[in-house]
Structures are given as C-alpha cells and as structure tokens.
Amino acid sequence: MNDDNLNIMKLLVEKGQDYGKSSLNLIKLKAIDKGAEITSTVITKALLIHVFIVFITLVSVSVALMLGDMLGKVYYGFFIIAAFHFLLWIVLYMFYSTVKSKINNGVISNILKQ
C-alpha cells in the first residue's frame, strides 16, 4: 500500500470514529430529553393530583357538615359522604382494567413520542 491509500484509510477510520461518537452523543441527548420530559410530566401531574385531592377533601368535609346540620346530627352527613365515596370507589374498581390500560397506553405513547 502506498502512503495515499494509508492516509485515506486513516481518514476513513477517523471519520467512522467521529460518526460513532456523534451517534452515541445524540442517543444520550435524546435519552436525557425524554427523561426530563417524563420527569416534568410526572411532577406536574402529581402536583395537580395533590391539589385536586385537597380540594375534594375540603368539599367533602363541607358538604358533610352541611348535610349533618340539615339532618340534625353532624355524623349523619359524614356517613352519607362516606357512602358516596364508597360507591364511587366501587364504580372505579369495576372499571379498573379499562383505566389501567388507558394509563398504560398513555405512558407508552409518551415514551415513544418523538
């Protein structure tokens, strides 16, 4: 082999190494971007859920107190609200697999979204 062919081979190997490093860096950056997107989504939704739970709790206590006042015994209102929440839990439990699959599909589509 002459020097020209040797230089071309070295240049080709260097370009291949540069391409490999660039591809690896691109994969790392895409993974970091996807991780940051998922983390920010989880934190934001957790905050929204927390605020909603506080809201529902306060509304439930307020309605329980109001119903209890109307019925003459405060604990009657709390029994009614507890029964309502129990019925709501039963309905959600009946649709558990549907809700779970929708959440699962949402997470997968979020991960695969480009």
PDB file of N, CA and C in Angstrom:
ATOM      1  N   MET A   1       0.832  -1.183   0.000  1.00  0.00           N
ATOM      2  CA  MET A   1       0.000   0.000   0.000  1.00  0.00           C
ATOM      3  C   MET A   1       0.871   1.239   0.000  1.00  0.00           C
ATOM      4  N   ASN A   2       0.473   2.200  -0.753  1.00  0.00           N
ATOM      5  CA  ASN A   2       1.247   3.430  -0.765  1.00  0.00           C
ATOM      6  C   ASN A   2       0.715   4.386   0.299  1.00  0.00           C
ATOM      7  N   ASP A   3       1.402   5.499   0.460  1.00  0.00           N
ATOM      8  CA  ASP A   3       1.070   6.455   1.519  1.00  0.00           C
ATOM      9  C   ASP A   3      -0.301   7.090   1.319  1.00  0.00           C
ATOM     10  N   ASP A   4      -0.702   7.303   0.076  1.00  0.00           N
ATOM     11  CA  ASP A   4      -2.012   7.903  -0.183  1.00  0.00           C
ATOM     12  C   ASP A   4      -3.139   6.992   0.305  1.00  0.00           C
ATOM     13  N   ASN A   5      -3.024   5.716  -0.008  1.00  0.00           N
ATOM     14  CA  ASN A   5      -4.056   4.762   0.446  1.00  0.00           C
ATOM     15  C   ASN A   5      -4.072   4.653   1.966  1.00  0.00           C
ATOM     16  N   LEU A   6      -2.916   4.689   2.585  1.00  0.00           N
ATOM     17  CA  LEU A   6      -2.816   4.602   4.034  1.00  0.00           C
ATOM     18  C   LEU A   6      -3.455   5.833   4.689  1.00  0.00           C
ATOM     19  N   ASN A   7      -3.192   7.003   4.125  1.00  0.00           N
ATOM     20  CA  ASN A   7      -3.802   8.237   4.651  1.00  0.00           C
ATOM     21  C   ASN A   7      -5.321   8.227   4.488  1.00  0.00           C
ATOM     22  N   ILE A   8      -5.771   7.722   3.355  1.00  0.00           N
ATOM     23  CA  ILE A   8      -7.211   7.635   3.115  1.00  0.00           C
ATOM     24  C   ILE A   8      -7.847   6.680   4.120  1.00  0.00           C
ATOM     25  N   MET A   9      -7.190   5.554   4.397  1.00  0.00           N
ATOM     26  CA  MET A   9      -7.711   4.585   5.365  1.00  0.00           C
ATOM     27  C   MET A   9      -7.756   5.200   6.770  1.00  0.00           C
ATOM     28  N   LYS A  10      -6.703   5.921   7.154  1.00  0.00           N
ATOM     29  CA  LYS A  10      -6.689   6.572   8.471  1.00  0.00           C
ATOM     30  C   LYS A  10      -7.804   7.602   8.565  1.00  0.00           C
ATOM     31  N   LEU A  11      -7.983   8.382   7.512  1.00  0.00           N
ATOM     32  CA  LEU A  11      -9.026   9.389   7.479  1.00  0.00           C
ATOM     33  C   LEU A  11     -10.417   8.737   7.579  1.00  0.00           C
ATOM     34  N   LEU A  12     -10.577   7.627   6.875  1.00  0.00           N
ATOM     35  CA  LEU A  12     -11.838   6.904   6.904  1.00  0.00           C
ATOM     36  C   LEU A  12     -12.128   6.363   8.309  1.00  0.00           C
ATOM     37  N   VAL A  13     -11.115   5.824   8.970  1.00  0.00           N
ATOM     38  CA  VAL A  13     -11.274   5.306  10.328  1.00  0.00           C
ATOM     39  C   VAL A  13     -11.611   6.446  11.286  1.00  0.00           C
ATOM     40  N   GLU A  14     -10.933   7.588  11.149  1.00  0.00           N
ATOM     41  CA  GLU A  14     -11.219   8.741  12.000  1.00  0.00           C
ATOM     42  C   GLU A  14     -12.645   9.240  11.794  1.00  0.00           C
ATOM     43  N   LYS A  15     -13.083   9.307  10.543  1.00  0.00           N
ATOM     44  CA  LYS A  15     -14.450   9.748  10.250  1.00  0.00           C
ATOM     45  C   LYS A  15     -15.463   8.766  10.841  1.00  0.00           C
ATOM     46  N   GLY A  16     -15.172   7.485  10.756  1.00  0.00           N
ATOM     47  CA  GLY A  16     -16.050   6.470  11.332  1.00  0.00           C
ATOM     48  C   GLY A  16     -16.126   6.610  12.855  1.00  0.00           C
ATOM     49  N   GLN A  17     -14.998   6.857  13.494  1.00  0.00           N
ATOM     50  CA  GLN A  17     -14.980   7.058  14.938  1.00  0.00           C
ATOM     51  C   GLN A  17     -15.768   8.318  15.320  1.00  0.00           C
ATOM     52  N   ASP A  18     -15.561   9.391  14.556  1.00  0.00           N
ATOM     53  CA  ASP A  18     -16.304  10.623  14.817  1.00  0.00           C
ATOM     54  C   ASP A  18     -17.805  10.406  14.665  1.00  0.00           C
ATOM     55  N   TYR A  19     -18.195   9.664  13.642  1.00  0.00           N
ATOM     56  CA  TYR A  19     -19.612   9.367  13.428  1.00  0.00           C
ATOM     57  C   TYR A  19     -20.171   8.548  14.594  1.00  0.00           C
ATOM     58  N   GLY A  20     -19.419   7.557  15.036  1.00  0.00           N
ATOM     59  CA  GLY A  20     -19.854   6.737  16.164  1.00  0.00           C
ATOM     60  C   GLY A  20     -20.012   7.556  17.430  1.00  0.00           C
ATOM     61  N   LYS A  21     -19.041   8.444  17.702  1.00  0.00           N
ATOM     62  CA  LYS A  21     -19.126   9.300  18.884  1.00  0.00           C
ATOM     63  C   LYS A  21     -20.320  10.248  18.781  1.00  0.00           C
ATOM     64  N   SER A  22     -20.530  10.806  17.597  1.00  0.00           N
ATOM     65  CA  SER A  22     -21.665  11.722  17.406  1.00  0.00           C
ATOM     66  C   SER A  22     -22.995  10.986  17.578  1.00  0.00           C
ATOM     67  N   SER A  23     -23.075   9.783  17.039  1.00  0.00           N
ATOM     68  CA  SER A  23     -24.303   8.991  17.182  1.00  0.00           C
ATOM     69  C   SER A  23     -24.565   8.659  18.642  1.00  0.00           C
ATOM     70  N   LEU A  24     -23.523   8.297  19.377  1.00  0.00           N
ATOM     71  CA  LEU A  24     -23.664   7.985  20.800  1.00  0.00           C
ATOM     72  C   LEU A  24     -24.101   9.222  21.587  1.00  0.00           C
ATOM     73  N   ASN A  25     -23.510  10.363  21.283  1.00  0.00           N
ATOM     74  CA  ASN A  25     -23.909  11.610  21.948  1.00  0.00           C
ATOM     75  C   ASN A  25     -25.361  11.969  21.639  1.00  0.00           C
ATOM     76  N   LEU A  26     -25.776  11.750  20.402  1.00  0.00           N
ATOM     77  CA  LEU A  26     -27.157  12.027  20.020  1.00  0.00           C
ATOM     78  C   LEU A  26     -28.128  11.125  20.793  1.00  0.00           C
ATOM     79  N   ILE A  27     -27.786   9.851  20.933  1.00  0.00           N
ATOM     80  CA  ILE A  27     -28.622   8.924  21.692  1.00  0.00           C
ATOM     81  C   ILE A  27     -28.697   9.362  23.151  1.00  0.00           C
ATOM     82  N   LYS A  28     -27.564   9.764  23.726  1.00  0.00           N
ATOM     83  CA  LYS A  28     -27.548  10.235  25.116  1.00  0.00           C
ATOM     84  C   LYS A  28     -28.437  11.474  25.279  1.00  0.00           C
ATOM     85  N   LEU A  29     -28.328  12.420  24.358  1.00  0.00           N
ATOM     86  CA  LEU A  29     -29.126  13.640  24.445  1.00  0.00           C
ATOM     87  C   LEU A  29     -30.621  13.358  24.297  1.00  0.00           C
ATOM     88  N   LYS A  30     -30.968  12.431  23.403  1.00  0.00           N
ATOM     89  CA  LYS A  30     -32.378  12.062  23.255  1.00  0.00           C
ATOM     90  C   LYS A  30     -32.894  11.392  24.521  1.00  0.00           C
ATOM     91  N   ALA A  31     -32.081  10.544  25.147  1.00  0.00           N
ATOM     92  CA  ALA A  31     -32.488   9.881  26.389  1.00  0.00           C
ATOM     93  C   ALA A  31     -32.659  10.901  27.515  1.00  0.00           C
ATOM     94  N   ILE A  32     -31.755  11.865  27.601  1.00  0.00           N
ATOM     95  CA  ILE A  32     -31.861  12.917  28.618  1.00  0.00           C
ATOM     96  C   ILE A  32     -33.116  13.744  28.390  1.00  0.00           C
ATOM     97  N   ASP A  33     -33.386  14.096  27.124  1.00  0.00           N
ATOM     98  CA  ASP A  33     -34.577  14.874  26.801  1.00  0.00           C
ATOM     99  C   ASP A  33     -35.847  14.110  27.177  1.00  0.00           C
ATOM    100  N   LYS A  34     -35.911  12.826  26.842  1.00  0.00           N
ATOM    101  CA  LYS A  34     -37.083  12.021  27.148  1.00  0.00           C
ATOM    102  C   LYS A  34     -37.234  11.858  28.659  1.00  0.00           C
ATOM    103  N   GLY A  35     -36.131  11.653  29.363  1.00  0.00           N
ATOM    104  CA  GLY A  35     -36.183  11.537  30.824  1.00  0.00           C
ATOM    105  C   GLY A  35     -36.666  12.809  31.477  1.00  0.00           C
ATOM    106  N   ALA A  36     -36.187  13.941  30.990  1.00  0.00           N
ATOM    107  CA  ALA A  36     -36.623  15.230  31.537  1.00  0.00           C
ATOM    108  C   ALA A  36     -38.098  15.468  31.254  1.00  0.00           C
ATOM    109  N   GLU A  37     -38.545  15.093  30.076  1.00  0.00           N
ATOM    110  CA  GLU A  37     -39.957  15.270  29.719  1.00  0.00           C
ATOM    111  C   GLU A  37     -40.850  14.408  30.606  1.00  0.00           C
ATOM    112  N   ILE A  38     -40.465  13.158  30.805  1.00  0.00           N
ATOM    113  CA  ILE A  38     -41.255  12.251  31.640  1.00  0.00           C
ATOM    114  C   ILE A  38     -41.253  12.728  33.088  1.00  0.00           C
ATOM    115  N   THR A  39     -40.088  13.134  33.597  1.00  0.00           N
ATOM    116  CA  THR A  39     -39.996  13.611  34.974  1.00  0.00           C
ATOM    117  C   THR A  39     -40.854  14.851  35.187  1.00  0.00           C
ATOM    118  N   SER A  40     -40.776  15.792  34.272  1.00  0.00           N
ATOM    119  CA  SER A  40     -41.580  17.014  34.429  1.00  0.00           C
ATOM    120  C   SER A  40     -43.069  16.711  34.336  1.00  0.00           C
ATOM    121  N   THR A  41     -43.451  15.769  33.488  1.00  0.00           N
ATOM    122  CA  THR A  41     -44.857  15.379  33.381  1.00  0.00           C
ATOM    123  C   THR A  41     -45.337  14.738  34.678  1.00  0.00           C
ATOM    124  N   VAL A  42     -44.530  13.829  35.229  1.00  0.00           N
ATOM    125  CA  VAL A  42     -44.915  13.151  36.468  1.00  0.00           C
ATOM    126  C   VAL A  42     -45.037  14.149  37.615  1.00  0.00           C
ATOM    127  N   ILE A  43     -44.077  15.056  37.746  1.00  0.00           N
ATOM    128  CA  ILE A  43     -44.107  16.030  38.837  1.00  0.00           C
ATOM    129  C   ILE A  43     -45.307  16.965  38.690  1.00  0.00           C
ATOM    130  N   THR A  44     -45.560  17.430  37.487  1.00  0.00           N
ATOM    131  CA  THR A  44     -46.690  18.336  37.254  1.00  0.00           C
ATOM    132  C   THR A  44     -48.016  17.643  37.549  1.00  0.00           C
ATOM    133  N   LYS A  45     -48.168  16.413  37.060  1.00  0.00           N
ATOM    134  CA  LYS A  45     -49.417  15.694  37.306  1.00  0.00           C
ATOM    135  C   LYS A  45     -49.570  15.350  38.781  1.00  0.00           C
ATOM    136  N   ALA A  46     -48.467  15.028  39.463  1.00  0.00           N
ATOM    137  CA  ALA A  46     -48.542  14.746  40.903  1.00  0.00           C
ATOM    138  C   ALA A  46     -48.994  15.990  41.667  1.00  0.00           C
ATOM    139  N   LEU A  47     -48.489  17.139  41.275  1.00  0.00           N
ATOM    140  CA  LEU A  47     -48.905  18.385  41.916  1.00  0.00           C
ATOM    141  C   LEU A  47     -50.390  18.658  41.668  1.00  0.00           C
ATOM    142  N   LEU A  48     -50.835  18.473  40.432  1.00  0.00           N
ATOM    143  CA  LEU A  48     -52.244  18.670  40.108  1.00  0.00           C
ATOM    144  C   LEU A  48     -53.132  17.696  40.891  1.00  0.00           C
ATOM    145  N   ILE A  49     -52.707  16.458  40.998  1.00  0.00           N
ATOM    146  CA  ILE A  49     -53.477  15.461  41.746  1.00  0.00           C
ATOM    147  C   ILE A  49     -53.534  15.842  43.220  1.00  0.00           C
ATOM    148  N   HIS A  50     -52.420  16.293  43.772  1.00  0.00           N
ATOM    149  CA  HIS A  50     -52.381  16.696  45.172  1.00  0.00           C
ATOM    150  C   HIS A  50     -53.369  17.838  45.444  1.00  0.00           C
ATOM    151  N   VAL A  51     -53.351  18.860  44.599  1.00  0.00           N
ATOM    152  CA  VAL A  51     -54.257  19.997  44.777  1.00  0.00           C
ATOM    153  C   VAL A  51     -55.714  19.535  44.637  1.00  0.00           C
ATOM    154  N   PHE A  52     -55.972  18.648  43.693  1.00  0.00           N
ATOM    155  CA  PHE A  52     -57.330  18.137  43.499  1.00  0.00           C
ATOM    156  C   PHE A  52     -57.790  17.334  44.714  1.00  0.00           C
ATOM    157  N   ILE A  53     -56.912  16.517  45.291  1.00  0.00           N
ATOM    158  CA  ILE A  53     -57.260  15.737  46.476  1.00  0.00           C
ATOM    159  C   ILE A  53     -57.588  16.656  47.650  1.00  0.00           C
ATOM    160  N   VAL A  54     -56.797  17.708  47.822  1.00  0.00           N
ATOM    161  CA  VAL A  54     -57.086  18.673  48.894  1.00  0.00           C
ATOM    162  C   VAL A  54     -58.443  19.330  48.651  1.00  0.00           C
ATOM    163  N   PHE A  55     -58.713  19.697  47.424  1.00  0.00           N
ATOM    164  CA  PHE A  55     -59.996  20.313  47.067  1.00  0.00           C
ATOM    165  C   PHE A  55     -61.161  19.364  47.369  1.00  0.00           C
ATOM    166  N   ILE A  56     -61.055  18.131  46.918  1.00  0.00           N
ATOM    167  CA  ILE A  56     -62.120  17.146  47.143  1.00  0.00           C
ATOM    168  C   ILE A  56     -62.320  16.903  48.633  1.00  0.00           C
ATOM    169  N   THR A  57     -61.233  16.846  49.378  1.00  0.00           N
ATOM    170  CA  THR A  57     -61.334  16.637  50.825  1.00  0.00           C
ATOM    171  C   THR A  57     -62.090  17.783  51.488  1.00  0.00           C
ATOM    172  N   LEU A  58     -61.713  19.002  51.152  1.00  0.00           N
ATOM    173  CA  LEU A  58     -62.377  20.159  51.755  1.00  0.00           C
ATOM    174  C   LEU A  58     -63.846  20.251  51.352  1.00  0.00           C
ATOM    175  N   VAL A  59     -64.145  19.968  50.099  1.00  0.00           N
ATOM    176  CA  VAL A  59     -65.536  19.993  49.655  1.00  0.00           C
ATOM    177  C   VAL A  59     -66.328  18.890  50.357  1.00  0.00           C
ATOM    178  N   SER A  60     -65.725  17.707  50.486  1.00  0.00           N
ATOM    179  CA  SER A  60     -66.415  16.601  51.157  1.00  0.00           C
ATOM    180  C   SER A  60     -66.719  16.933  52.612  1.00  0.00           C
ATOM    181  N   VAL A  61     -65.762  17.504  53.308  1.00  0.00           N
ATOM    182  CA  VAL A  61     -65.988  17.877  54.707  1.00  0.00           C
ATOM    183  C   VAL A  61     -67.058  18.960  54.794  1.00  0.00           C
ATOM    184  N   SER A  62     -67.007  19.923  53.900  1.00  0.00           N
ATOM    185  CA  SER A  62     -68.004  20.999  53.912  1.00  0.00           C
ATOM    186  C   SER A  62     -69.404  20.463  53.648  1.00  0.00           C
ATOM    187  N   VAL A  63     -69.534  19.599  52.661  1.00  0.00           N
ATOM    188  CA  VAL A  63     -70.848  19.027  52.344  1.00  0.00           C
ATOM    189  C   VAL A  63     -71.319  18.134  53.490  1.00  0.00           C
ATOM    190  N   ALA A  64     -70.410  17.380  54.085  1.00  0.00           N
ATOM    191  CA  ALA A  64     -70.776  16.524  55.221  1.00  0.00           C
ATOM    192  C   ALA A  64     -71.283  17.367  56.382  1.00  0.00           C
ATOM    193  N   LEU A  65     -70.613  18.461  56.672  1.00  0.00           N
ATOM    194  CA  LEU A  65     -71.060  19.345  57.746  1.00  0.00           C
ATOM    195  C   LEU A  65     -72.413  19.969  57.429  1.00  0.00           C
ATOM    196  N   MET A  66     -72.594  20.366  56.174  1.00  0.00           N
ATOM    197  CA  MET A  66     -73.864  20.966  55.763  1.00  0.00           C
ATOM    198  C   MET A  66     -74.996  19.941  55.860  1.00  0.00           C
ATOM    199  N   LEU A  67     -74.776  18.720  55.350  1.00  0.00           N
ATOM    200  CA  LEU A  67     -75.801  17.679  55.427  1.00  0.00           C
ATOM    201  C   LEU A  67     -76.096  17.310  56.883  1.00  0.00           C
ATOM    202  N   GLY A  68     -75.040  17.215  57.679  1.00  0.00           N
ATOM    203  CA  GLY A  68     -75.224  16.912  59.086  1.00  0.00           C
ATOM    204  C   GLY A  68     -76.033  17.974  59.792  1.00  0.00           C
ATOM    205  N   ASP A  69     -75.790  19.210  59.439  1.00  0.00           N
ATOM    206  CA  ASP A  69     -76.557  20.318  60.030  1.00  0.00           C
ATOM    207  C   ASP A  69     -78.032  20.231  59.614  1.00  0.00           C
ATOM    208  N   MET A  70     -78.258  19.884  58.339  1.00  0.00           N
ATOM    209  CA  MET A  70     -79.635  19.764  57.845  1.00  0.00           C
ATOM    210  C   MET A  70     -80.358  18.573  58.478  1.00  0.00           C
ATOM    211  N   LEU A  71     -79.629  17.491  58.744  1.00  0.00           N
ATOM    212  CA  LEU A  71     -80.243  16.279  59.289  1.00  0.00           C
ATOM    213  C   LEU A  71     -80.287  16.269  60.815  1.00  0.00           C
ATOM    214  N   GLY A  72     -79.653  17.219  61.449  1.00  0.00           N
ATOM    215  CA  GLY A  72     -79.710  17.322  62.896  1.00  0.00           C
ATOM    216  C   GLY A  72     -78.546  16.686  63.635  1.00  0.00           C
ATOM    217  N   LYS A  73     -77.809  15.815  63.000  1.00  0.00           N
ATOM    218  CA  LYS A  73     -76.640  15.174  63.610  1.00  0.00           C
ATOM    219  C   LYS A  73     -75.479  15.280  62.614  1.00  0.00           C
ATOM    220  N   VAL A  74     -74.367  15.821  63.064  1.00  0.00           N
ATOM    221  CA  VAL A  74     -73.232  16.057  62.170  1.00  0.00           C
ATOM    222  C   VAL A  74     -72.727  14.751  61.568  1.00  0.00           C
ATOM    223  N   TYR A  75     -72.701  13.692  62.336  1.00  0.00           N
ATOM    224  CA  TYR A  75     -72.129  12.442  61.825  1.00  0.00           C
ATOM    225  C   TYR A  75     -72.992  11.819  60.729  1.00  0.00           C
ATOM    226  N   TYR A  76     -74.274  12.165  60.641  1.00  0.00           N
ATOM    227  CA  TYR A  76     -75.098  11.677  59.528  1.00  0.00           C
ATOM    228  C   TYR A  76     -74.537  12.171  58.187  1.00  0.00           C
ATOM    229  N   GLY A  77     -74.137  13.411  58.158  1.00  0.00           N
ATOM    230  CA  GLY A  77     -73.552  13.968  56.931  1.00  0.00           C
ATOM    231  C   GLY A  77     -72.278  13.251  56.536  1.00  0.00           C
ATOM    232  N   PHE A  78     -71.445  12.912  57.524  1.00  0.00           N
ATOM    233  CA  PHE A  78     -70.211  12.199  57.219  1.00  0.00           C
ATOM    234  C   PHE A  78     -70.501  10.774  56.747  1.00  0.00           C
ATOM    235  N   PHE A  79     -71.530  10.136  57.309  1.00  0.00           N
ATOM    236  CA  PHE A  79     -71.908   8.803  56.832  1.00  0.00           C
ATOM    237  C   PHE A  79     -72.363   8.851  55.380  1.00  0.00           C
ATOM    238  N   ILE A  80     -73.143   9.854  55.046  1.00  0.00           N
ATOM    239  CA  ILE A  80     -73.638   9.984  53.665  1.00  0.00           C
ATOM    240  C   ILE A  80     -72.473  10.210  52.703  1.00  0.00           C
ATOM    241  N   ILE A  81     -71.560  11.104  53.042  1.00  0.00           N
ATOM    242  CA  ILE A  81     -70.406  11.376  52.177  1.00  0.00           C
ATOM    243  C   ILE A  81     -69.515  10.140  52.074  1.00  0.00           C
ATOM    244  N   ALA A  82     -69.330   9.422  53.196  1.00  0.00           N
ATOM    245  CA  ALA A  82     -68.529   8.189  53.162  1.00  0.00           C
ATOM    246  C   ALA A  82     -69.175   7.152  52.249  1.00  0.00           C
ATOM    247  N   ALA A  83     -70.492   7.031  52.305  1.00  0.00           N
ATOM    248  CA  ALA A  83     -71.199   6.088  51.433  1.00  0.00           C
ATOM    249  C   ALA A  83     -71.047   6.488  49.971  1.00  0.00           C
ATOM    250  N   PHE A  84     -71.149   7.785  49.688  1.00  0.00           N
ATOM    251  CA  PHE A  84     -70.951   8.268  48.318  1.00  0.00           C
ATOM    252  C   PHE A  84     -69.549   7.919  47.814  1.00  0.00           C
ATOM    253  N   HIS A  85     -68.540   8.146  48.631  1.00  0.00           N
ATOM    254  CA  HIS A  85     -67.166   7.836  48.225  1.00  0.00           C
ATOM    255  C   HIS A  85     -66.975   6.328  48.052  1.00  0.00           C
ATOM    256  N   PHE A  86     -67.626   5.541  48.881  1.00  0.00           N
ATOM    257  CA  PHE A  86     -67.537   4.091  48.743  1.00  0.00           C
ATOM    258  C   PHE A  86     -68.166   3.635  47.435  1.00  0.00           C
ATOM    259  N   LEU A  87     -69.328   4.189  47.089  1.00  0.00           N
ATOM    260  CA  LEU A  87     -69.967   3.853  45.809  1.00  0.00           C
ATOM    261  C   LEU A  87     -69.093   4.281  44.627  1.00  0.00           C
ATOM    262  N   LEU A  88     -68.485   5.432  44.750  1.00  0.00           N
ATOM    263  CA  LEU A  88     -67.571   5.889  43.700  1.00  0.00           C
ATOM    264  C   LEU A  88     -66.389   4.934  43.571  1.00  0.00           C
ATOM    265  N   TRP A  89     -65.870   4.461  44.701  1.00  0.00           N
ATOM    266  CA  TRP A  89     -64.762   3.504  44.683  1.00  0.00           C
ATOM    267  C   TRP A  89     -65.184   2.204  43.990  1.00  0.00           C
ATOM    268  N   ILE A  90     -66.411   1.741  44.265  1.00  0.00           N
ATOM    269  CA  ILE A  90     -66.894   0.508  43.629  1.00  0.00           C
ATOM    270  C   ILE A  90     -66.964   0.680  42.113  1.00  0.00           C
ATOM    271  N   VAL A  91     -67.470   1.814  41.655  1.00  0.00           N
ATOM    272  CA  VAL A  91     -67.553   2.072  40.210  1.00  0.00           C
ATOM    273  C   VAL A  91     -66.155   2.096  39.596  1.00  0.00           C
ATOM    274  N   LEU A  92     -65.225   2.787  40.242  1.00  0.00           N
ATOM    275  CA  LEU A  92     -63.856   2.836  39.724  1.00  0.00           C
ATOM    276  C   LEU A  92     -63.205   1.464  39.733  1.00  0.00           C
ATOM    277  N   TYR A  93     -63.485   0.674  40.763  1.00  0.00           N
ATOM    278  CA  TYR A  93     -62.921  -0.676  40.846  1.00  0.00           C
ATOM    279  C   TYR A  93     -63.450  -1.555  39.716  1.00  0.00           C
ATOM    280  N   MET A  94     -64.726  -1.370  39.352  1.00  0.00           N
ATOM    281  CA  MET A  94     -65.305  -2.153  38.259  1.00  0.00           C
ATOM    282  C   MET A  94     -64.632  -1.818  36.928  1.00  0.00           C
ATOM    283  N   PHE A  95     -64.179  -0.590  36.780  1.00  0.00           N
ATOM    284  CA  PHE A  95     -63.529  -0.168  35.537  1.00  0.00           C
ATOM    285  C   PHE A  95     -62.011  -0.131  35.680  1.00  0.00           C
ATOM    286  N   TYR A  96     -61.464  -0.853  36.651  1.00  0.00           N
ATOM    287  CA  TYR A  96     -60.026  -0.846  36.934  1.00  0.00           C
ATOM    288  C   TYR A  96     -59.194  -1.195  35.706  1.00  0.00           C
ATOM    289  N   SER A  97     -59.541  -2.271  35.019  1.00  0.00           N
ATOM    290  CA  SER A  97     -58.727  -2.701  33.880  1.00  0.00           C
ATOM    291  C   SER A  97     -58.771  -1.682  32.746  1.00  0.00           C
ATOM    292  N   THR A  98     -59.927  -1.057  32.533  1.00  0.00           N
ATOM    293  CA  THR A  98     -60.033  -0.037  31.483  1.00  0.00           C
ATOM    294  C   THR A  98     -59.171   1.176  31.818  1.00  0.00           C
ATOM    295  N   VAL A  99     -59.270   1.627  33.062  1.00  0.00           N
ATOM    296  CA  VAL A  99     -58.480   2.787  33.484  1.00  0.00           C
ATOM    297  C   VAL A  99     -56.998   2.464  33.422  1.00  0.00           C
ATOM    298  N   LYS A 100     -56.630   1.272  33.884  1.00  0.00           N
ATOM    299  CA  LYS A 100     -55.220   0.868  33.874  1.00  0.00           C
ATOM    300  C   LYS A 100     -54.672   0.808  32.455  1.00  0.00           C
ATOM    301  N   SER A 101     -55.433   0.247  31.526  1.00  0.00           N
ATOM    302  CA  SER A 101     -54.944   0.152  30.151  1.00  0.00           C
ATOM    303  C   SER A 101     -54.820   1.527  29.501  1.00  0.00           C
ATOM    304  N   LYS A 102     -55.737   2.448  29.817  1.00  0.00           N
ATOM    305  CA  LYS A 102     -55.633   3.802  29.266  1.00  0.00           C
ATOM    306  C   LYS A 102     -54.388   4.514  29.804  1.00  0.00           C
ATOM    307  N   ILE A 103     -54.115   4.350  31.088  1.00  0.00           N
ATOM    308  CA  ILE A 103     -52.916   4.959  31.670  1.00  0.00           C
ATOM    309  C   ILE A 103     -51.671   4.320  31.066  1.00  0.00           C
ATOM    310  N   ASN A 104     -51.687   2.994  30.932  1.00  0.00           N
ATOM    311  CA  ASN A 104     -50.552   2.277  30.345  1.00  0.00           C
ATOM    312  C   ASN A 104     -50.294   2.749  28.920  1.00  0.00           C
ATOM    313  N   ASN A 105     -51.340   2.851  28.117  1.00  0.00           N
ATOM    314  CA  ASN A 105     -51.184   3.316  26.735  1.00  0.00           C
ATOM    315  C   ASN A 105     -50.683   4.755  26.691  1.00  0.00           C
ATOM    316  N   GLY A 106     -51.148   5.592  27.615  1.00  0.00           N
ATOM    317  CA  GLY A 106     -50.684   6.975  27.659  1.00  0.00           C
ATOM    318  C   GLY A 106     -49.205   7.077  27.991  1.00  0.00           C
ATOM    319  N   VAL A 107     -48.760   6.251  28.940  1.00  0.00           N
ATOM    320  CA  VAL A 107     -47.338   6.266  29.305  1.00  0.00           C
ATOM    321  C   VAL A 107     -46.490   5.774  28.130  1.00  0.00           C
ATOM    322  N   ILE A 108     -46.913   4.698  27.495  1.00  0.00           N
ATOM    323  CA  ILE A 108     -46.150   4.168  26.366  1.00  0.00           C
ATOM    324  C   ILE A 108     -46.088   5.158  25.225  1.00  0.00           C
ATOM    325  N   SER A 109     -47.219   5.789  24.889  1.00  0.00           N
ATOM    326  CA  SER A 109     -47.209   6.759  23.787  1.00  0.00           C
ATOM    327  C   SER A 109     -46.357   7.963  24.140  1.00  0.00           C
ATOM    328  N   ASN A 110     -46.328   8.351  25.434  1.00  0.00           N
ATOM    329  CA  ASN A 110     -45.478   9.468  25.850  1.00  0.00           C
ATOM    330  C   ASN A 110     -44.009   9.114  25.714  1.00  0.00           C
ATOM    331  N   ILE A 111     -43.647   7.888  26.051  1.00  0.00           N
ATOM    332  CA  ILE A 111     -42.252   7.465  25.943  1.00  0.00           C
ATOM    333  C   ILE A 111     -41.820   7.374  24.484  1.00  0.00           C
ATOM    334  N   LEU A 112     -42.707   6.849  23.635  1.00  0.00           N
ATOM    335  CA  LEU A 112     -42.343   6.644  22.218  1.00  0.00           C
ATOM    336  C   LEU A 112     -42.521   7.887  21.363  1.00  0.00           C
ATOM    337  N   LYS A 113     -43.160   8.930  21.910  1.00  0.00           N
ATOM    338  CA  LYS A 113     -43.416  10.153  21.138  1.00  0.00           C
ATOM    339  C   LYS A 113     -42.083  10.803  20.769  1.00  0.00           C
ATOM    340  N   GLN A 114     -41.989  11.250  19.547  1.00  0.00           N
ATOM    341  CA  GLN A 114     -40.724  11.835  19.095  1.00  0.00           C
ATOM    342  C   GLN A 114     -40.816  13.297  18.920  1.00  0.00           C
TER     343      GLN A 114
END
